[in-house]
Amino acid sequence: MQPAPVRASSAPPTALPATLSVRPPSVGGALRALEGLLMRGGQRTARRNAWTAVLEDRRRAKDRREAQHLLEAVAAPGPQAT
């Protein structure tokens, strides 16, 4: 029995078949990719803005408590306890 002959191919082994041709991206696809990139940064900015708002609300609540304490101390009869 003889081994099968080796066939030489004219195309390099990394060439894509004709059915797998690469198409340029569509405008819609490019816009979706751009939107995806922008939304990721937007989510990061939204989280940062939300955390800043939480900290600001806490600061205002602390200021309100201190102001309420001072008003109650001024309105109370007797010696001033400030």
Protein backbone atom coordinates (compact mmCIF):
# COMPACT_ATOMS: atom_id res chain seq x y z
CA MET A 1 0.00 0.00 0.00
CA GLN A 2 1.35 3.39 -0.95
CA PRO A 3 0.82 6.61 1.08
CA ALA A 4 -1.57 9.17 -0.38
CA PRO A 5 0.13 11.90 -2.39
CA VAL A 6 0.38 15.31 -0.71
CA ARG A 7 -1.46 18.01 -2.62
CA ALA A 8 0.09 21.45 -2.86
CA SER A 9 -2.39 24.27 -2.44
CA SER A 10 -1.95 27.57 -4.22
CA ALA A 11 -3.76 29.53 -1.49
CA PRO A 12 -2.04 30.19 1.83
CA PRO A 13 -3.54 28.21 4.76
CA THR A 14 -4.76 31.39 6.52
CA ALA A 15 -6.90 32.62 3.61
CA LEU A 16 -10.60 33.00 4.37
CA PRO A 17 -13.09 31.09 2.27
CA ALA A 18 -15.09 33.23 -0.14
CA THR A 19 -18.24 32.80 2.01
CA LEU A 20 -16.57 34.50 5.00
CA SER A 21 -15.80 37.81 3.32
CA VAL A 22 -15.50 40.76 5.69
CA ARG A 23 -18.09 43.48 5.23
CA PRO A 24 -17.49 47.06 6.32
CA PRO A 25 -19.48 48.04 9.43
CA SER A 26 -22.85 49.62 8.82
CA VAL A 27 -23.69 53.09 10.06
CA GLY A 28 -26.22 51.61 12.48
CA GLY A 29 -23.65 49.20 13.88
CA ALA A 30 -21.12 51.99 14.29
CA LEU A 31 -23.69 54.15 16.08
CA ARG A 32 -24.61 51.27 18.41
CA ALA A 33 -20.93 50.74 19.25
CA LEU A 34 -20.47 54.45 19.93
CA GLU A 35 -23.61 54.53 22.08
CA GLY A 36 -22.31 51.57 24.08
CA LEU A 37 -19.04 53.35 24.77
CA LEU A 38 -20.77 56.58 25.75
CA MET A 39 -23.33 54.88 27.98
CA ARG A 40 -20.61 53.18 30.01
CA GLY A 41 -19.08 56.54 30.82
CA GLY A 42 -22.54 57.96 31.38
CA GLN A 43 -23.33 55.29 33.94
CA ARG A 44 -20.10 56.04 35.75
CA THR A 45 -20.94 59.75 35.77
CA ALA A 46 -24.49 59.03 36.95
CA ARG A 47 -23.18 56.94 39.87
CA ARG A 48 -20.71 59.66 40.82
CA ASN A 49 -23.45 62.31 40.66
CA ALA A 50 -25.79 60.14 42.74
CA TRP A 51 -23.13 59.62 45.44
CA THR A 52 -22.39 63.36 45.51
CA ALA A 53 -26.12 63.99 45.96
CA VAL A 54 -26.26 61.48 48.85
CA LEU A 55 -23.33 63.19 50.59
CA GLU A 56 -24.92 66.61 50.07
CA ASP A 57 -28.24 65.36 51.51
CA ARG A 58 -26.43 64.01 54.57
CA ARG A 59 -24.65 67.35 55.05
CA ARG A 60 -27.96 69.25 54.81
CA ALA A 61 -29.63 66.86 57.27
CA LYS A 62 -26.77 67.39 59.74
CA ASP A 63 -27.10 71.18 59.34
CA ARG A 64 -30.88 70.92 59.92
CA ARG A 65 -30.36 68.88 63.11
CA GLU A 66 -27.83 71.42 64.41
CA ALA A 67 -30.14 74.35 63.57
CA GLN A 68 -33.08 72.59 65.23
CA HIS A 69 -30.98 71.99 68.35
CA LEU A 70 -29.96 75.66 68.49
CA LEU A 71 -33.54 76.87 67.98
CA GLU A 72 -34.80 74.61 70.75
CA ALA A 73 -32.02 75.82 73.06
CA VAL A 74 -32.86 79.49 72.39
CA ALA A 75 -36.61 78.94 72.78
CA ALA A 76 -36.28 76.97 76.03
CA PRO A 77 -36.83 78.99 79.23
CA GLY A 78 -34.04 79.05 81.74
CA PRO A 79 -30.29 79.12 81.36
CA GLN A 80 -28.85 78.98 77.86
CA ALA A 81 -27.29 75.60 77.13
CA THR A 82 -25.43 76.16 73.88
